[in-house]
Amino acid sequence: PVPQPLDGISYAHKVDKAEAAIDWAQSAHTVIQRVR
């Protein structure tokens, strides 16, 4: 067993249906990443 490092922690919050709407005022890269 190896303890997890203290650096680089991030949280993947549950996806909500309300997040589905595309904001076209974001960058094209962001829009495409969200579609995927």
PDB file of all heavy atoms in Angstrom:
ATOM      1  N   PRO A   1       0.824  -1.212   0.000  1.00  0.00           N
ATOM      2  CA  PRO A   1       0.000   0.000   0.000  1.00  0.00           C
ATOM      3  C   PRO A   1       0.858   1.262   0.000  1.00  0.00           C
ATOM      4  O   PRO A   1       1.894   1.339   0.687  1.00  0.00           O
ATOM      5  CB  PRO A   1      -0.796  -0.114   1.307  1.00  0.00           C
ATOM      6  CG  PRO A   1      -0.729  -1.568   1.664  1.00  0.00           C
ATOM      7  CD  PRO A   1       0.595  -2.050   1.183  1.00  0.00           C
ATOM      8  N   VAL A   2       0.438   2.245  -0.781  1.00  0.00           N
ATOM      9  CA  VAL A   2       1.136   3.534  -0.871  1.00  0.00           C
ATOM     10  C   VAL A   2       0.140   4.639  -0.535  1.00  0.00           C
ATOM     11  O   VAL A   2      -0.904   4.747  -1.197  1.00  0.00           O
ATOM     12  CB  VAL A   2       1.716   3.756  -2.280  1.00  0.00           C
ATOM     13  CG1 VAL A   2       2.371   5.132  -2.379  1.00  0.00           C
ATOM     14  CG2 VAL A   2       2.707   2.656  -2.635  1.00  0.00           C
ATOM     15  N   PRO A   3       0.422   5.471   0.471  1.00  0.00           N
ATOM     16  CA  PRO A   3      -0.486   6.588   0.771  1.00  0.00           C
ATOM     17  C   PRO A   3      -0.609   7.524  -0.420  1.00  0.00           C
ATOM     18  O   PRO A   3       0.353   7.744  -1.173  1.00  0.00           O
ATOM     19  CB  PRO A   3       0.179   7.286   1.963  1.00  0.00           C
ATOM     20  CG  PRO A   3       1.082   6.246   2.564  1.00  0.00           C
ATOM     21  CD  PRO A   3       1.554   5.404   1.422  1.00  0.00           C
ATOM     22  N   GLN A   4      -1.789   8.097  -0.585  1.00  0.00           N
ATOM     23  CA  GLN A   4      -1.983   9.053  -1.663  1.00  0.00           C
ATOM     24  C   GLN A   4      -1.195  10.337  -1.383  1.00  0.00           C
ATOM     25  O   GLN A   4      -1.126  10.791  -0.237  1.00  0.00           O
ATOM     26  CB  GLN A   4      -3.465   9.397  -1.817  1.00  0.00           C
ATOM     27  CG  GLN A   4      -4.309   8.243  -2.297  1.00  0.00           C
ATOM     28  CD  GLN A   4      -5.748   8.659  -2.560  1.00  0.00           C
ATOM     29  OE1 GLN A   4      -6.017   9.782  -2.998  1.00  0.00           O
ATOM     30  NE2 GLN A   4      -6.688   7.766  -2.288  1.00  0.00           N
ATOM     31  N   PRO A   5      -0.612  10.928  -2.429  1.00  0.00           N
ATOM     32  CA  PRO A   5       0.092  12.197  -2.221  1.00  0.00           C
ATOM     33  C   PRO A   5      -0.883  13.299  -1.809  1.00  0.00           C
ATOM     34  O   PRO A   5      -2.073  13.245  -2.122  1.00  0.00           O
ATOM     35  CB  PRO A   5       0.715  12.494  -3.588  1.00  0.00           C
ATOM     36  CG  PRO A   5      -0.020  11.649  -4.555  1.00  0.00           C
ATOM     37  CD  PRO A   5      -0.512  10.450  -3.813  1.00  0.00           C
ATOM     38  N   LEU A   6      -0.368  14.291  -1.110  1.00  0.00           N
ATOM     39  CA  LEU A   6      -1.204  15.408  -0.657  1.00  0.00           C
ATOM     40  C   LEU A   6      -1.380  16.460  -1.737  1.00  0.00           C
ATOM     41  O   LEU A   6      -2.283  17.298  -1.658  1.00  0.00           O
ATOM     42  CB  LEU A   6      -0.581  16.042   0.591  1.00  0.00           C
ATOM     43  CG  LEU A   6      -0.455  15.114   1.809  1.00  0.00           C
ATOM     44  CD1 LEU A   6       0.212  15.841   2.964  1.00  0.00           C
ATOM     45  CD2 LEU A   6      -1.823  14.581   2.232  1.00  0.00           C
ATOM     46  N   ASP A   7      -0.529  16.429  -2.761  1.00  0.00           N
ATOM     47  CA  ASP A   7      -0.645  17.373  -3.871  1.00  0.00           C
ATOM     48  C   ASP A   7      -1.480  16.766  -4.987  1.00  0.00           C
ATOM     49  O   ASP A   7      -1.472  15.550  -5.197  1.00  0.00           O
ATOM     50  CB  ASP A   7       0.752  17.732  -4.419  1.00  0.00           C
ATOM     51  CG  ASP A   7       1.596  18.473  -3.403  1.00  0.00           C
ATOM     52  OD1 ASP A   7       1.001  19.180  -2.555  1.00  0.00           O
ATOM     53  OD2 ASP A   7       2.834  18.343  -3.438  1.00  0.00           O
ATOM     54  N   GLY A   8      -2.159  17.635  -5.730  1.00  0.00           N
ATOM     55  CA  GLY A   8      -2.905  17.182  -6.901  1.00  0.00           C
ATOM     56  C   GLY A   8      -4.289  16.650  -6.621  1.00  0.00           C
ATOM     57  O   GLY A   8      -4.888  15.987  -7.473  1.00  0.00           O
ATOM     58  N   ILE A   9      -4.835  16.937  -5.434  1.00  0.00           N
ATOM     59  CA  ILE A   9      -6.177  16.453  -5.101  1.00  0.00           C
ATOM     60  C   ILE A   9      -7.223  17.267  -5.861  1.00  0.00           C
ATOM     61  O   ILE A   9      -7.174  18.499  -5.886  1.00  0.00           O
ATOM     62  CB  ILE A   9      -6.439  16.562  -3.590  1.00  0.00           C
ATOM     63  CG1 ILE A   9      -5.478  15.663  -2.811  1.00  0.00           C
ATOM     64  CG2 ILE A   9      -7.888  16.204  -3.258  1.00  0.00           C
ATOM     65  CD1 ILE A   9      -5.525  15.870  -1.311  1.00  0.00           C
ATOM     66  N   SER A  10      -8.155  16.568  -6.518  1.00  0.00           N
ATOM     67  CA  SER A  10      -9.301  17.233  -7.146  1.00  0.00           C
ATOM     68  C   SER A  10     -10.524  16.344  -6.982  1.00  0.00           C
ATOM     69  O   SER A  10     -10.407  15.139  -6.729  1.00  0.00           O
ATOM     70  CB  SER A  10      -9.032  17.511  -8.630  1.00  0.00           C
ATOM     71  OG  SER A  10      -8.715  16.325  -9.331  1.00  0.00           O
ATOM     72  N   TYR A  11     -11.703  16.947  -7.111  1.00  0.00           N
ATOM     73  CA  TYR A  11     -12.945  16.230  -6.844  1.00  0.00           C
ATOM     74  C   TYR A  11     -13.842  16.209  -8.083  1.00  0.00           C
ATOM     75  O   TYR A  11     -14.046  17.236  -8.731  1.00  0.00           O
ATOM     76  CB  TYR A  11     -13.688  16.855  -5.663  1.00  0.00           C
ATOM     77  CG  TYR A  11     -12.999  16.575  -4.349  1.00  0.00           C
ATOM     78  CD1 TYR A  11     -12.060  17.462  -3.832  1.00  0.00           C
ATOM     79  CD2 TYR A  11     -13.239  15.393  -3.654  1.00  0.00           C
ATOM     80  CE1 TYR A  11     -11.391  17.194  -2.644  1.00  0.00           C
ATOM     81  CE2 TYR A  11     -12.580  15.119  -2.465  1.00  0.00           C
ATOM     82  CZ  TYR A  11     -11.662  16.022  -1.968  1.00  0.00           C
ATOM     83  OH  TYR A  11     -10.999  15.747  -0.802  1.00  0.00           O
ATOM     84  N   ALA A  12     -14.348  15.030  -8.380  1.00  0.00           N
ATOM     85  CA  ALA A  12     -15.220  14.825  -9.536  1.00  0.00           C
ATOM     86  C   ALA A  12     -16.662  14.767  -9.045  1.00  0.00           C
ATOM     87  O   ALA A  12     -17.193  13.693  -8.739  1.00  0.00           O
ATOM     88  CB  ALA A  12     -14.845  13.534 -10.254  1.00  0.00           C
ATOM     89  N   HIS A  13     -17.280  15.923  -8.954  1.00  0.00           N
ATOM     90  CA  HIS A  13     -18.640  15.982  -8.430  1.00  0.00           C
ATOM     91  C   HIS A  13     -19.619  15.298  -9.385  1.00  0.00           C
ATOM     92  O   HIS A  13     -19.420  15.275 -10.603  1.00  0.00           O
ATOM     93  CB  HIS A  13     -19.051  17.435  -8.205  1.00  0.00           C
ATOM     94  CG  HIS A  13     -18.178  18.149  -7.227  1.00  0.00           C
ATOM     95  ND1 HIS A  13     -18.202  17.872  -5.882  1.00  0.00           N
ATOM     96  CD2 HIS A  13     -17.226  19.104  -7.402  1.00  0.00           C
ATOM     97  CE1 HIS A  13     -17.311  18.639  -5.257  1.00  0.00           C
ATOM     98  NE2 HIS A  13     -16.708  19.389  -6.159  1.00  0.00           N
ATOM     99  N   LYS A  14     -20.667  14.735  -8.830  1.00  0.00           N
ATOM    100  CA  LYS A  14     -21.694  14.050  -9.603  1.00  0.00           C
ATOM    101  C   LYS A  14     -22.236  14.966 -10.695  1.00  0.00           C
ATOM    102  O   LYS A  14     -22.450  16.154 -10.471  1.00  0.00           O
ATOM    103  CB  LYS A  14     -22.824  13.601  -8.674  1.00  0.00           C
ATOM    104  CG  LYS A  14     -23.903  12.775  -9.354  1.00  0.00           C
ATOM    105  CD  LYS A  14     -24.947  12.330  -8.339  1.00  0.00           C
ATOM    106  CE  LYS A  14     -26.053  11.515  -9.020  1.00  0.00           C
ATOM    107  NZ  LYS A  14     -27.082  11.063  -8.043  1.00  0.00           N
ATOM    108  N   VAL A  15     -22.468  14.409 -11.876  1.00  0.00           N
ATOM    109  CA  VAL A  15     -22.972  15.191 -13.001  1.00  0.00           C
ATOM    110  C   VAL A  15     -24.471  15.395 -12.842  1.00  0.00           C
ATOM    111  O   VAL A  15     -25.223  14.447 -12.588  1.00  0.00           O
ATOM    112  CB  VAL A  15     -22.665  14.490 -14.339  1.00  0.00           C
ATOM    113  CG1 VAL A  15     -23.314  15.244 -15.503  1.00  0.00           C
ATOM    114  CG2 VAL A  15     -21.164  14.397 -14.557  1.00  0.00           C
ATOM    115  N   ASP A  16     -24.894  16.628 -13.002  1.00  0.00           N
ATOM    116  CA  ASP A  16     -26.308  16.987 -12.903  1.00  0.00           C
ATOM    117  C   ASP A  16     -26.846  17.299 -14.289  1.00  0.00           C
ATOM    118  O   ASP A  16     -26.146  17.866 -15.125  1.00  0.00           O
ATOM    119  CB  ASP A  16     -26.473  18.204 -11.992  1.00  0.00           C
ATOM    120  CG  ASP A  16     -27.927  18.474 -11.646  1.00  0.00           C
ATOM    121  OD1 ASP A  16     -28.620  19.099 -12.473  1.00  0.00           O
ATOM    122  OD2 ASP A  16     -28.370  18.078 -10.560  1.00  0.00           O
ATOM    123  N   LYS A  17     -28.104  16.938 -14.533  1.00  0.00           N
ATOM    124  CA  LYS A  17     -28.706  17.207 -15.844  1.00  0.00           C
ATOM    125  C   LYS A  17     -28.689  18.693 -16.189  1.00  0.00           C
ATOM    126  O   LYS A  17     -28.653  19.072 -17.365  1.00  0.00           O
ATOM    127  CB  LYS A  17     -30.142  16.686 -15.886  1.00  0.00           C
ATOM    128  CG  LYS A  17     -30.241  15.168 -15.929  1.00  0.00           C
ATOM    129  CD  LYS A  17     -31.694  14.714 -16.041  1.00  0.00           C
ATOM    130  CE  LYS A  17     -31.790  13.187 -16.118  1.00  0.00           C
ATOM    131  NZ  LYS A  17     -33.197  12.730 -16.234  1.00  0.00           N
ATOM    132  N   ALA A  18     -28.712  19.540 -15.152  1.00  0.00           N
ATOM    133  CA  ALA A  18     -28.713  20.983 -15.389  1.00  0.00           C
ATOM    134  C   ALA A  18     -27.422  21.468 -16.047  1.00  0.00           C
ATOM    135  O   ALA A  18     -27.385  22.563 -16.619  1.00  0.00           O
ATOM    136  CB  ALA A  18     -28.936  21.723 -14.075  1.00  0.00           C
ATOM    137  N   GLU A  19     -26.361  20.663 -15.975  1.00  0.00           N
ATOM    138  CA  GLU A  19     -25.090  21.034 -16.602  1.00  0.00           C
ATOM    139  C   GLU A  19     -25.089  20.824 -18.115  1.00  0.00           C
ATOM    140  O   GLU A  19     -24.151  21.228 -18.797  1.00  0.00           O
ATOM    141  CB  GLU A  19     -23.950  20.211 -16.005  1.00  0.00           C
ATOM    142  CG  GLU A  19     -23.701  20.425 -14.534  1.00  0.00           C
ATOM    143  CD  GLU A  19     -22.534  19.575 -14.053  1.00  0.00           C
ATOM    144  OE1 GLU A  19     -21.400  19.849 -14.473  1.00  0.00           O
ATOM    145  OE2 GLU A  19     -22.761  18.626 -13.275  1.00  0.00           O
ATOM    146  N   ALA A  20     -26.119  20.180 -18.642  1.00  0.00           N
ATOM    147  CA  ALA A  20     -26.101  19.747 -20.037  1.00  0.00           C
ATOM    148  C   ALA A  20     -26.162  20.912 -21.030  1.00  0.00           C
ATOM    149  O   ALA A  20     -25.673  20.802 -22.155  1.00  0.00           O
ATOM    150  CB  ALA A  20     -27.266  18.799 -20.298  1.00  0.00           C
ATOM    151  N   ALA A  21     -26.773  22.035 -20.635  1.00  0.00           N
ATOM    152  CA  ALA A  21     -26.969  23.134 -21.578  1.00  0.00           C
ATOM    153  C   ALA A  21     -25.633  23.750 -22.004  1.00  0.00           C
ATOM    154  O   ALA A  21     -24.811  24.126 -21.168  1.00  0.00           O
ATOM    155  CB  ALA A  21     -27.864  24.203 -20.960  1.00  0.00           C
ATOM    156  N   ILE A  22     -25.417  23.848 -23.307  1.00  0.00           N
ATOM    157  CA  ILE A  22     -24.184  24.416 -23.843  1.00  0.00           C
ATOM    158  C   ILE A  22     -24.228  25.934 -23.740  1.00  0.00           C
ATOM    159  O   ILE A  22     -25.234  26.578 -24.089  1.00  0.00           O
ATOM    160  CB  ILE A  22     -24.005  24.007 -25.326  1.00  0.00           C
ATOM    161  CG1 ILE A  22     -23.781  22.499 -25.428  1.00  0.00           C
ATOM    162  CG2 ILE A  22     -22.844  24.758 -25.968  1.00  0.00           C
ATOM    163  CD1 ILE A  22     -23.793  21.974 -26.848  1.00  0.00           C
ATOM    164  N   ASP A  23     -23.143  26.519 -23.268  1.00  0.00           N
ATOM    165  CA  ASP A  23     -22.965  27.970 -23.252  1.00  0.00           C
ATOM    166  C   ASP A  23     -22.053  28.324 -24.422  1.00  0.00           C
ATOM    167  O   ASP A  23     -20.846  28.111 -24.371  1.00  0.00           O
ATOM    168  CB  ASP A  23     -22.348  28.401 -21.922  1.00  0.00           C
ATOM    169  CG  ASP A  23     -22.128  29.909 -21.842  1.00  0.00           C
ATOM    170  OD1 ASP A  23     -22.465  30.612 -22.816  1.00  0.00           O
ATOM    171  OD2 ASP A  23     -21.611  30.375 -20.809  1.00  0.00           O
ATOM    172  N   TRP A  24     -22.633  28.870 -25.476  1.00  0.00           N
ATOM    173  CA  TRP A  24     -21.866  29.164 -26.693  1.00  0.00           C
ATOM    174  C   TRP A  24     -20.913  30.331 -26.504  1.00  0.00           C
ATOM    175  O   TRP A  24     -20.065  30.587 -27.383  1.00  0.00           O
ATOM    176  CB  TRP A  24     -22.812  29.422 -27.861  1.00  0.00           C
ATOM    177  CG  TRP A  24     -23.602  28.199 -28.229  1.00  0.00           C
ATOM    178  CD1 TRP A  24     -24.914  27.959 -27.946  1.00  0.00           C
ATOM    179  CD2 TRP A  24     -23.137  27.040 -28.921  1.00  0.00           C
ATOM    180  NE1 TRP A  24     -25.299  26.721 -28.408  1.00  0.00           N
ATOM    181  CE2 TRP A  24     -24.217  26.133 -29.021  1.00  0.00           C
ATOM    182  CE3 TRP A  24     -21.896  26.674 -29.466  1.00  0.00           C
ATOM    183  CZ2 TRP A  24     -24.108  24.894 -29.647  1.00  0.00           C
ATOM    184  CZ3 TRP A  24     -21.788  25.439 -30.087  1.00  0.00           C
ATOM    185  CH2 TRP A  24     -22.874  24.566 -30.179  1.00  0.00           C
ATOM    186  N   ALA A  25     -21.004  31.015 -25.369  1.00  0.00           N
ATOM    187  CA  ALA A  25     -20.060  32.097 -25.077  1.00  0.00           C
ATOM    188  C   ALA A  25     -18.769  31.581 -24.464  1.00  0.00           C
ATOM    189  O   ALA A  25     -17.880  32.361 -24.134  1.00  0.00           O
ATOM    190  CB  ALA A  25     -20.707  33.123 -24.147  1.00  0.00           C
ATOM    191  N   GLN A  26     -18.675  30.271 -24.301  1.00  0.00           N
ATOM    192  CA  GLN A  26     -17.422  29.663 -23.859  1.00  0.00           C
ATOM    193  C   GLN A  26     -16.525  29.391 -25.069  1.00  0.00           C
ATOM    194  O   GLN A  26     -16.944  29.509 -26.220  1.00  0.00           O
ATOM    195  CB  GLN A  26     -17.700  28.359 -23.110  1.00  0.00           C
ATOM    196  CG  GLN A  26     -18.428  28.550 -21.783  1.00  0.00           C
ATOM    197  CD  GLN A  26     -18.657  27.220 -21.078  1.00  0.00           C
ATOM    198  OE1 GLN A  26     -19.001  26.225 -21.693  1.00  0.00           O
ATOM    199  NE2 GLN A  26     -18.458  27.218 -19.768  1.00  0.00           N
ATOM    200  N   SER A  27     -15.281  29.010 -24.788  1.00  0.00           N
ATOM    201  CA  SER A  27     -14.375  28.683 -25.883  1.00  0.00           C
ATOM    202  C   SER A  27     -14.860  27.434 -26.610  1.00  0.00           C
ATOM    203  O   SER A  27     -15.533  26.577 -26.032  1.00  0.00           O
ATOM    204  CB  SER A  27     -12.962  28.452 -25.362  1.00  0.00           C
ATOM    205  OG  SER A  27     -12.871  27.193 -24.713  1.00  0.00           O
ATOM    206  N   ALA A  28     -14.500  27.332 -27.890  1.00  0.00           N
ATOM    207  CA  ALA A  28     -14.892  26.172 -28.677  1.00  0.00           C
ATOM    208  C   ALA A  28     -14.327  24.887 -28.073  1.00  0.00           C
ATOM    209  O   ALA A  28     -14.993  23.842 -28.052  1.00  0.00           O
ATOM    210  CB  ALA A  28     -14.413  26.337 -30.118  1.00  0.00           C
ATOM    211  N   HIS A  29     -13.089  24.946 -27.559  1.00  0.00           N
ATOM    212  CA  HIS A  29     -12.493  23.765 -26.932  1.00  0.00           C
ATOM    213  C   HIS A  29     -13.317  23.303 -25.732  1.00  0.00           C
ATOM    214  O   HIS A  29     -13.556  22.108 -25.553  1.00  0.00           O
ATOM    215  CB  HIS A  29     -11.054  24.064 -26.491  1.00  0.00           C
ATOM    216  CG  HIS A  29     -10.097  24.258 -27.625  1.00  0.00           C
ATOM    217  ND1 HIS A  29      -9.905  25.481 -28.232  1.00  0.00           N
ATOM    218  CD2 HIS A  29      -9.295  23.380 -28.283  1.00  0.00           C
ATOM    219  CE1 HIS A  29      -9.013  25.349 -29.195  1.00  0.00           C
ATOM    220  NE2 HIS A  29      -8.623  24.092 -29.257  1.00  0.00           N
ATOM    221  N   THR A  30     -13.770  24.264 -24.909  1.00  0.00           N
ATOM    222  CA  THR A  30     -14.575  23.919 -23.744  1.00  0.00           C
ATOM    223  C   THR A  30     -15.895  23.292 -24.147  1.00  0.00           C
ATOM    224  O   THR A  30     -16.325  22.287 -23.563  1.00  0.00           O
ATOM    225  CB  THR A  30     -14.833  25.172 -22.886  1.00  0.00           C
ATOM    226  OG1 THR A  30     -13.585  25.678 -22.407  1.00  0.00           O
ATOM    227  CG2 THR A  30     -15.734  24.855 -21.700  1.00  0.00           C
ATOM    228  N   VAL A  31     -16.539  23.870 -25.155  1.00  0.00           N
ATOM    229  CA  VAL A  31     -17.815  23.324 -25.632  1.00  0.00           C
ATOM    230  C   VAL A  31     -17.643  21.884 -26.098  1.00  0.00           C
ATOM    231  O   VAL A  31     -18.416  20.990 -25.733  1.00  0.00           O
ATOM    232  CB  VAL A  31     -18.390  24.196 -26.772  1.00  0.00           C
ATOM    233  CG1 VAL A  31     -19.591  23.499 -27.424  1.00  0.00           C
ATOM    234  CG2 VAL A  31     -18.804  25.561 -26.249  1.00  0.00           C
ATOM    235  N   ILE A  32     -16.611  21.624 -26.879  1.00  0.00           N
ATOM    236  CA  ILE A  32     -16.389  20.286 -27.435  1.00  0.00           C
ATOM    237  C   ILE A  32     -16.047  19.287 -26.333  1.00  0.00           C
ATOM    238  O   ILE A  32     -16.527  18.143 -26.338  1.00  0.00           O
ATOM    239  CB  ILE A  32     -15.288  20.334 -28.512  1.00  0.00           C
ATOM    240  CG1 ILE A  32     -15.806  21.121 -29.727  1.00  0.00           C
ATOM    241  CG2 ILE A  32     -14.859  18.938 -28.932  1.00  0.00           C
ATOM    242  CD1 ILE A  32     -14.729  21.518 -30.704  1.00  0.00           C
ATOM    243  N   GLN A  33     -15.245  19.689 -25.361  1.00  0.00           N
ATOM    244  CA  GLN A  33     -14.930  18.806 -24.244  1.00  0.00           C
ATOM    245  C   GLN A  33     -16.178  18.440 -23.453  1.00  0.00           C
ATOM    246  O   GLN A  33     -16.337  17.295 -23.010  1.00  0.00           O
ATOM    247  CB  GLN A  33     -13.887  19.461 -23.335  1.00  0.00           C
ATOM    248  CG  GLN A  33     -12.485  19.450 -23.935  1.00  0.00           C
ATOM    249  CD  GLN A  33     -11.541  20.477 -23.341  1.00  0.00           C
ATOM    250  OE1 GLN A  33     -10.520  20.805 -23.918  1.00  0.00           O
ATOM    251  NE2 GLN A  33     -11.908  21.015 -22.165  1.00  0.00           N
ATOM    252  N   ARG A  34     -17.073  19.397 -23.289  1.00  0.00           N
ATOM    253  CA  ARG A  34     -18.311  19.116 -22.552  1.00  0.00           C
ATOM    254  C   ARG A  34     -19.234  18.198 -23.357  1.00  0.00           C
ATOM    255  O   ARG A  34     -19.901  17.324 -22.776  1.00  0.00           O
ATOM    256  CB  ARG A  34     -19.016  20.421 -22.190  1.00  0.00           C
ATOM    257  CG  ARG A  34     -18.285  21.194 -21.098  1.00  0.00           C
ATOM    258  CD  ARG A  34     -18.873  22.589 -20.910  1.00  0.00           C
ATOM    259  NE  ARG A  34     -20.239  22.562 -20.426  1.00  0.00           N
ATOM    260  CZ  ARG A  34     -20.590  22.440 -19.139  1.00  0.00           C
ATOM    261  NH1 ARG A  34     -19.649  22.326 -18.208  1.00  0.00           N
ATOM    262  NH2 ARG A  34     -21.854  22.444 -18.773  1.00  0.00           N
ATOM    263  N   VAL A  35     -19.280  18.379 -24.664  1.00  0.00           N
ATOM    264  CA  VAL A  35     -20.069  17.472 -25.510  1.00  0.00           C
ATOM    265  C   VAL A  35     -19.565  16.045 -25.346  1.00  0.00           C
ATOM    266  O   VAL A  35     -20.346  15.101 -25.174  1.00  0.00           O
ATOM    267  CB  VAL A  35     -20.005  17.914 -26.983  1.00  0.00           C
ATOM    268  CG1 VAL A  35     -20.580  16.825 -27.899  1.00  0.00           C
ATOM    269  CG2 VAL A  35     -20.771  19.222 -27.195  1.00  0.00           C
ATOM    270  N   ARG A  36     -18.256  15.865 -25.380  1.00  0.00           N
ATOM    271  CA  ARG A  36     -17.661  14.526 -25.229  1.00  0.00           C
ATOM    272  C   ARG A  36     -17.887  13.982 -23.814  1.00  0.00           C
ATOM    273  O   ARG A  36     -18.204  12.799 -23.629  1.00  0.00           O
ATOM    274  CB  ARG A  36     -16.170  14.575 -25.539  1.00  0.00           C
ATOM    275  CG  ARG A  36     -15.844  14.861 -27.006  1.00  0.00           C
ATOM    276  CD  ARG A  36     -14.381  15.240 -27.181  1.00  0.00           C
ATOM    277  NE  ARG A  36     -13.499  14.271 -26.552  1.00  0.00           N
ATOM    278  CZ  ARG A  36     -12.345  14.587 -25.950  1.00  0.00           C
ATOM    279  NH1 ARG A  36     -11.942  15.852 -25.878  1.00  0.00           N
ATOM    280  NH2 ARG A  36     -11.600  13.643 -25.410  1.00  0.00           N
TER     281      ARG A  36
END
